Amino acid sequence: MTSDKTLLKAAIDKATYASGGTNFYDAVMDAAFIAKDSGGANPIVLALTDGEDNSSSNSADSVIDYVKKN
């Protein structure tokens, strides 16, 4: 968790990209849980993907419902 834009940009620039399965919705749900538990007043999740979700147990609708309620 950071509010430092320079640190965030550096982390994004260093991100590695793997090929294969993409469980994007599961990752966003995990990030939403972490953001909620961070104690911040208005946490933000920035989610980047290298492809279309093809292996999540969560659906896009379930993730959207969760973040709207929390």
PDB file of N, CA and C in Angstrom:
ATOM      1  N   MET A   1       0.847  -1.168   0.000  1.00  0.00           N
ATOM      2  CA  MET A   1       0.000   0.000   0.000  1.00  0.00           C
ATOM      3  C   MET A   1       0.894   1.233   0.000  1.00  0.00           C
ATOM      4  N   THR A   2       0.563   2.177  -0.859  1.00  0.00           N
ATOM      5  CA  THR A   2       1.339   3.406  -0.896  1.00  0.00           C
ATOM      6  C   THR A   2       0.499   4.560  -1.420  1.00  0.00           C
ATOM      7  N   SER A   3       0.844   5.733  -1.001  1.00  0.00           N
ATOM      8  CA  SER A   3       0.255   6.945  -1.582  1.00  0.00           C
ATOM      9  C   SER A   3       1.321   7.697  -2.368  1.00  0.00           C
ATOM     10  N   ASP A   4       2.506   7.097  -2.467  1.00  0.00           N
ATOM     11  CA  ASP A   4       3.636   7.699  -3.171  1.00  0.00           C
ATOM     12  C   ASP A   4       3.543   7.364  -4.662  1.00  0.00           C
ATOM     13  N   LYS A   5       3.202   8.351  -5.475  1.00  0.00           N
ATOM     14  CA  LYS A   5       3.015   8.123  -6.906  1.00  0.00           C
ATOM     15  C   LYS A   5       4.299   7.678  -7.601  1.00  0.00           C
ATOM     16  N   THR A   6       5.428   8.178  -7.173  1.00  0.00           N
ATOM     17  CA  THR A   6       6.705   7.786  -7.771  1.00  0.00           C
ATOM     18  C   THR A   6       6.991   6.320  -7.492  1.00  0.00           C
ATOM     19  N   LEU A   7       6.765   5.897  -6.268  1.00  0.00           N
ATOM     20  CA  LEU A   7       6.961   4.500  -5.896  1.00  0.00           C
ATOM     21  C   LEU A   7       6.004   3.592  -6.666  1.00  0.00           C
ATOM     22  N   LEU A   8       4.763   4.007  -6.812  1.00  0.00           N
ATOM     23  CA  LEU A   8       3.788   3.233  -7.567  1.00  0.00           C
ATOM     24  C   LEU A   8       4.213   3.092  -9.025  1.00  0.00           C
ATOM     25  N   LYS A   9       4.624   4.174  -9.644  1.00  0.00           N
ATOM     26  CA  LYS A   9       5.069   4.126 -11.039  1.00  0.00           C
ATOM     27  C   LYS A   9       6.259   3.192 -11.191  1.00  0.00           C
ATOM     28  N   ALA A  10       7.210   3.253 -10.279  1.00  0.00           N
ATOM     29  CA  ALA A  10       8.377   2.373 -10.343  1.00  0.00           C
ATOM     30  C   ALA A  10       7.964   0.913 -10.219  1.00  0.00           C
ATOM     31  N   ALA A  11       7.014   0.614  -9.347  1.00  0.00           N
ATOM     32  CA  ALA A  11       6.548  -0.771  -9.179  1.00  0.00           C
ATOM     33  C   ALA A  11       5.862  -1.270 -10.443  1.00  0.00           C
ATOM     34  N   ILE A  12       5.063  -0.428 -11.072  1.00  0.00           N
ATOM     35  CA  ILE A  12       4.396  -0.819 -12.320  1.00  0.00           C
ATOM     36  C   ILE A  12       5.428  -1.047 -13.415  1.00  0.00           C
ATOM     37  N   ASP A  13       6.412  -0.162 -13.505  1.00  0.00           N
ATOM     38  CA  ASP A  13       7.450  -0.302 -14.532  1.00  0.00           C
ATOM     39  C   ASP A  13       8.265  -1.579 -14.350  1.00  0.00           C
ATOM     40  N   LYS A  14       8.428  -2.047 -13.103  1.00  0.00           N
ATOM     41  CA  LYS A  14       9.214  -3.246 -12.826  1.00  0.00           C
ATOM     42  C   LYS A  14       8.403  -4.533 -12.920  1.00  0.00           C
ATOM     43  N   ALA A  15       7.100  -4.430 -13.086  1.00  0.00           N
ATOM     44  CA  ALA A  15       6.243  -5.616 -13.083  1.00  0.00           C
ATOM     45  C   ALA A  15       6.659  -6.576 -14.187  1.00  0.00           C
ATOM     46  N   THR A  16       6.648  -7.843 -13.856  1.00  0.00           N
ATOM     47  CA  THR A  16       6.956  -8.861 -14.859  1.00  0.00           C
ATOM     48  C   THR A  16       5.659  -9.438 -15.390  1.00  0.00           C
ATOM     49  N   TYR A  17       5.708  -9.879 -16.594  1.00  0.00           N
ATOM     50  CA  TYR A  17       4.517 -10.401 -17.248  1.00  0.00           C
ATOM     51  C   TYR A  17       4.754 -11.849 -17.637  1.00  0.00           C
ATOM     52  N   ALA A  18       3.942 -12.728 -17.083  1.00  0.00           N
ATOM     53  CA  ALA A  18       4.059 -14.154 -17.376  1.00  0.00           C
ATOM     54  C   ALA A  18       2.989 -14.540 -18.386  1.00  0.00           C
ATOM     55  N   SER A  19       3.245 -15.573 -19.114  1.00  0.00           N
ATOM     56  CA  SER A  19       2.236 -16.065 -20.049  1.00  0.00           C
ATOM     57  C   SER A  19       1.494 -17.221 -19.403  1.00  0.00           C
ATOM     58  N   GLY A  20       0.344 -17.519 -19.927  1.00  0.00           N
ATOM     59  CA  GLY A  20      -0.435 -18.629 -19.395  1.00  0.00           C
ATOM     60  C   GLY A  20      -1.759 -18.153 -18.845  1.00  0.00           C
ATOM     61  N   GLY A  21      -2.215 -18.811 -17.784  1.00  0.00           N
ATOM     62  CA  GLY A  21      -3.514 -18.506 -17.209  1.00  0.00           C
ATOM     63  C   GLY A  21      -3.570 -17.134 -16.571  1.00  0.00           C
ATOM     64  N   THR A  22      -4.736 -16.530 -16.665  1.00  0.00           N
ATOM     65  CA  THR A  22      -4.962 -15.225 -16.064  1.00  0.00           C
ATOM     66  C   THR A  22      -6.199 -15.319 -15.181  1.00  0.00           C
ATOM     67  N   ASN A  23      -5.986 -15.275 -13.871  1.00  0.00           N
ATOM     68  CA  ASN A  23      -7.130 -15.269 -12.948  1.00  0.00           C
ATOM     69  C   ASN A  23      -7.320 -13.845 -12.413  1.00  0.00           C
ATOM     70  N   PHE A  24      -7.685 -12.975 -13.322  1.00  0.00           N
ATOM     71  CA  PHE A  24      -7.803 -11.546 -13.041  1.00  0.00           C
ATOM     72  C   PHE A  24      -8.857 -11.246 -11.988  1.00  0.00           C
ATOM     73  N   TYR A  25     -10.041 -11.842 -12.109  1.00  0.00           N
ATOM     74  CA  TYR A  25     -11.123 -11.543 -11.163  1.00  0.00           C
ATOM     75  C   TYR A  25     -10.748 -11.988  -9.752  1.00  0.00           C
ATOM     76  N   ASP A  26     -10.083 -13.125  -9.615  1.00  0.00           N
ATOM     77  CA  ASP A  26      -9.629 -13.567  -8.292  1.00  0.00           C
ATOM     78  C   ASP A  26      -8.618 -12.582  -7.713  1.00  0.00           C
ATOM     79  N   ALA A  27      -7.721 -12.090  -8.545  1.00  0.00           N
ATOM     80  CA  ALA A  27      -6.707 -11.141  -8.089  1.00  0.00           C
ATOM     81  C   ALA A  27      -7.351  -9.821  -7.647  1.00  0.00           C
ATOM     82  N   VAL A  28      -8.338  -9.363  -8.402  1.00  0.00           N
ATOM     83  CA  VAL A  28      -9.027  -8.120  -8.028  1.00  0.00           C
ATOM     84  C   VAL A  28      -9.802  -8.314  -6.729  1.00  0.00           C
ATOM     85  N   MET A  29     -10.424  -9.476  -6.554  1.00  0.00           N
ATOM     86  CA  MET A  29     -11.142  -9.747  -5.309  1.00  0.00           C
ATOM     87  C   MET A  29     -10.168  -9.762  -4.128  1.00  0.00           C
ATOM     88  N   ASP A  30      -9.021 -10.424  -4.292  1.00  0.00           N
ATOM     89  CA  ASP A  30      -8.006 -10.432  -3.227  1.00  0.00           C
ATOM     90  C   ASP A  30      -7.547  -9.012  -2.900  1.00  0.00           C
ATOM     91  N   ALA A  31      -7.320  -8.210  -3.937  1.00  0.00           N
ATOM     92  CA  ALA A  31      -6.881  -6.829  -3.723  1.00  0.00           C
ATOM     93  C   ALA A  31      -7.961  -6.020  -3.008  1.00  0.00           C
ATOM     94  N   ALA A  32      -9.219  -6.276  -3.332  1.00  0.00           N
ATOM     95  CA  ALA A  32     -10.316  -5.571  -2.670  1.00  0.00           C
ATOM     96  C   ALA A  32     -10.369  -5.921  -1.182  1.00  0.00           C
ATOM     97  N   PHE A  33     -10.149  -7.204  -0.836  1.00  0.00           N
ATOM     98  CA  PHE A  33     -10.096  -7.605   0.577  1.00  0.00           C
ATOM     99  C   PHE A  33      -8.961  -6.877   1.294  1.00  0.00           C
ATOM    100  N   ILE A  34      -7.795  -6.839   0.684  1.00  0.00           N
ATOM    101  CA  ILE A  34      -6.630  -6.182   1.287  1.00  0.00           C
ATOM    102  C   ILE A  34      -6.893  -4.683   1.448  1.00  0.00           C
ATOM    103  N   ALA A  35      -7.459  -4.065   0.423  1.00  0.00           N
ATOM    104  CA  ALA A  35      -7.747  -2.628   0.486  1.00  0.00           C
ATOM    105  C   ALA A  35      -8.731  -2.322   1.609  1.00  0.00           C
ATOM    106  N   LYS A  36      -9.763  -3.153   1.730  1.00  0.00           N
ATOM    107  CA  LYS A  36     -10.762  -2.948   2.788  1.00  0.00           C
ATOM    108  C   LYS A  36     -10.116  -3.061   4.163  1.00  0.00           C
ATOM    109  N   ASP A  37      -9.244  -4.056   4.328  1.00  0.00           N
ATOM    110  CA  ASP A  37      -8.594  -4.285   5.620  1.00  0.00           C
ATOM    111  C   ASP A  37      -7.472  -3.300   5.916  1.00  0.00           C
ATOM    112  N   SER A  38      -7.105  -2.464   4.950  1.00  0.00           N
ATOM    113  CA  SER A  38      -5.999  -1.526   5.151  1.00  0.00           C
ATOM    114  C   SER A  38      -6.330  -0.416   6.145  1.00  0.00           C
ATOM    115  N   GLY A  39      -7.613  -0.185   6.349  1.00  0.00           N
ATOM    116  CA  GLY A  39      -8.019   0.859   7.274  1.00  0.00           C
ATOM    117  C   GLY A  39      -8.063   2.240   6.660  1.00  0.00           C
ATOM    118  N   GLY A  40      -7.749   2.344   5.381  1.00  0.00           N
ATOM    119  CA  GLY A  40      -7.799   3.639   4.713  1.00  0.00           C
ATOM    120  C   GLY A  40      -9.233   4.117   4.541  1.00  0.00           C
ATOM    121  N   ALA A  41      -9.396   5.418   4.488  1.00  0.00           N
ATOM    122  CA  ALA A  41     -10.731   5.995   4.371  1.00  0.00           C
ATOM    123  C   ALA A  41     -11.367   5.696   3.020  1.00  0.00           C
ATOM    124  N   ASN A  42     -10.586   5.690   1.964  1.00  0.00           N
ATOM    125  CA  ASN A  42     -11.108   5.462   0.619  1.00  0.00           C
ATOM    126  C   ASN A  42     -10.051   4.739  -0.209  1.00  0.00           C
ATOM    127  N   PRO A  43      -9.813   3.450   0.083  1.00  0.00           N
ATOM    128  CA  PRO A  43      -8.749   2.730  -0.613  1.00  0.00           C
ATOM    129  C   PRO A  43      -9.055   2.563  -2.094  1.00  0.00           C
ATOM    130  N   ILE A  44      -8.008   2.560  -2.876  1.00  0.00           N
ATOM    131  CA  ILE A  44      -8.126   2.414  -4.326  1.00  0.00           C
ATOM    132  C   ILE A  44      -7.329   1.186  -4.755  1.00  0.00           C
ATOM    133  N   VAL A  45      -7.906   0.409  -5.657  1.00  0.00           N
ATOM    134  CA  VAL A  45      -7.217  -0.738  -6.238  1.00  0.00           C
ATOM    135  C   VAL A  45      -6.955  -0.420  -7.698  1.00  0.00           C
ATOM    136  N   LEU A  46      -5.711  -0.524  -8.094  1.00  0.00           N
ATOM    137  CA  LEU A  46      -5.324  -0.378  -9.491  1.00  0.00           C
ATOM    138  C   LEU A  46      -5.003  -1.770 -10.003  1.00  0.00           C
ATOM    139  N   ALA A  47      -5.771  -2.244 -10.961  1.00  0.00           N
ATOM    140  CA  ALA A  47      -5.602  -3.604 -11.459  1.00  0.00           C
ATOM    141  C   ALA A  47      -5.173  -3.578 -12.916  1.00  0.00           C
ATOM    142  N   LEU A  48      -4.074  -4.251 -13.193  1.00  0.00           N
ATOM    143  CA  LEU A  48      -3.550  -4.354 -14.553  1.00  0.00           C
ATOM    144  C   LEU A  48      -3.532  -5.828 -14.949  1.00  0.00           C
ATOM    145  N   THR A  49      -3.771  -6.110 -16.195  1.00  0.00           N
ATOM    146  CA  THR A  49      -3.751  -7.496 -16.654  1.00  0.00           C
ATOM    147  C   THR A  49      -3.027  -7.606 -17.983  1.00  0.00           C
ATOM    148  N   ASP A  50      -2.506  -8.808 -18.225  1.00  0.00           N
ATOM    149  CA  ASP A  50      -1.846  -9.075 -19.500  1.00  0.00           C
ATOM    150  C   ASP A  50      -2.766  -9.844 -20.443  1.00  0.00           C
ATOM    151  N   GLY A  51      -3.996 -10.020 -20.051  1.00  0.00           N
ATOM    152  CA  GLY A  51      -4.915 -10.750 -20.924  1.00  0.00           C
ATOM    153  C   GLY A  51      -6.295 -10.896 -20.327  1.00  0.00           C
ATOM    154  N   GLU A  52      -7.124 -11.651 -21.000  1.00  0.00           N
ATOM    155  CA  GLU A  52      -8.492 -11.895 -20.581  1.00  0.00           C
ATOM    156  C   GLU A  52      -8.515 -12.961 -19.490  1.00  0.00           C
ATOM    157  N   ASP A  53      -9.382 -12.776 -18.514  1.00  0.00           N
ATOM    158  CA  ASP A  53      -9.492 -13.757 -17.439  1.00  0.00           C
ATOM    159  C   ASP A  53      -9.914 -15.102 -18.034  1.00  0.00           C
ATOM    160  N   ASN A  54      -9.175 -16.144 -17.648  1.00  0.00           N
ATOM    161  CA  ASN A  54      -9.523 -17.472 -18.148  1.00  0.00           C
ATOM    162  C   ASN A  54      -9.412 -18.560 -17.087  1.00  0.00           C
ATOM    163  N   SER A  55      -9.252 -18.165 -15.818  1.00  0.00           N
ATOM    164  CA  SER A  55      -9.106 -19.218 -14.806  1.00  0.00           C
ATOM    165  C   SER A  55      -9.565 -18.815 -13.404  1.00  0.00           C
ATOM    166  N   SER A  56     -10.387 -17.790 -13.270  1.00  0.00           N
ATOM    167  CA  SER A  56     -10.840 -17.359 -11.940  1.00  0.00           C
ATOM    168  C   SER A  56     -11.998 -18.201 -11.429  1.00  0.00           C
ATOM    169  N   SER A  57     -12.074 -18.305 -10.104  1.00  0.00           N
ATOM    170  CA  SER A  57     -13.249 -18.914  -9.492  1.00  0.00           C
ATOM    171  C   SER A  57     -14.314 -17.851  -9.229  1.00  0.00           C
ATOM    172  N   ASN A  58     -13.906 -16.583  -9.196  1.00  0.00           N
ATOM    173  CA  ASN A  58     -14.846 -15.466  -9.068  1.00  0.00           C
ATOM    174  C   ASN A  58     -15.252 -14.981 -10.448  1.00  0.00           C
ATOM    175  N   SER A  59     -16.473 -14.474 -10.544  1.00  0.00           N
ATOM    176  CA  SER A  59     -16.930 -13.869 -11.799  1.00  0.00           C
ATOM    177  C   SER A  59     -16.761 -12.357 -11.721  1.00  0.00           C
ATOM    178  N   ALA A  60     -16.829 -11.713 -12.851  1.00  0.00           N
ATOM    179  CA  ALA A  60     -16.761 -10.250 -12.869  1.00  0.00           C
ATOM    180  C   ALA A  60     -17.899  -9.667 -12.036  1.00  0.00           C
ATOM    181  N   ASP A  61     -19.091 -10.233 -12.163  1.00  0.00           N
ATOM    182  CA  ASP A  61     -20.244  -9.723 -11.420  1.00  0.00           C
ATOM    183  C   ASP A  61     -20.062  -9.858  -9.910  1.00  0.00           C
ATOM    184  N   SER A  62     -19.472 -10.981  -9.457  1.00  0.00           N
ATOM    185  CA  SER A  62     -19.288 -11.154  -8.013  1.00  0.00           C
ATOM    186  C   SER A  62     -18.274 -10.157  -7.465  1.00  0.00           C
ATOM    187  N   VAL A  63     -17.243  -9.860  -8.239  1.00  0.00           N
ATOM    188  CA  VAL A  63     -16.251  -8.874  -7.809  1.00  0.00           C
ATOM    189  C   VAL A  63     -16.880  -7.482  -7.759  1.00  0.00           C
ATOM    190  N   ILE A  64     -17.621  -7.139  -8.776  1.00  0.00           N
ATOM    191  CA  ILE A  64     -18.281  -5.829  -8.825  1.00  0.00           C
ATOM    192  C   ILE A  64     -19.255  -5.688  -7.658  1.00  0.00           C
ATOM    193  N   ASP A  65     -20.050  -6.716  -7.392  1.00  0.00           N
ATOM    194  CA  ASP A  65     -20.990  -6.674  -6.264  1.00  0.00           C
ATOM    195  C   ASP A  65     -20.260  -6.471  -4.947  1.00  0.00           C
ATOM    196  N   TYR A  66     -19.144  -7.198  -4.747  1.00  0.00           N
ATOM    197  CA  TYR A  66     -18.372  -7.071  -3.504  1.00  0.00           C
ATOM    198  C   TYR A  66     -17.858  -5.654  -3.309  1.00  0.00           C
ATOM    199  N   VAL A  67     -17.227  -5.093  -4.342  1.00  0.00           N
ATOM    200  CA  VAL A  67     -16.621  -3.760  -4.158  1.00  0.00           C
ATOM    201  C   VAL A  67     -17.683  -2.667  -4.011  1.00  0.00           C
ATOM    202  N   LYS A  68     -18.836  -2.860  -4.617  1.00  0.00           N
ATOM    203  CA  LYS A  68     -19.905  -1.870  -4.426  1.00  0.00           C
ATOM    204  C   LYS A  68     -20.433  -1.883  -3.000  1.00  0.00           C
ATOM    205  N   LYS A  69     -20.463  -3.059  -2.377  1.00  0.00           N
ATOM    206  CA  LYS A  69     -21.001  -3.191  -1.025  1.00  0.00           C
ATOM    207  C   LYS A  69     -19.972  -2.859   0.041  1.00  0.00           C
ATOM    208  N   ASN A  70     -18.697  -2.875  -0.328  1.00  0.00           N
ATOM    209  CA  ASN A  70     -17.647  -2.654   0.665  1.00  0.00           C
ATOM    210  C   ASN A  70     -16.840  -1.446   0.280  1.00  0.00           C
TER     211      ASN A  70
END
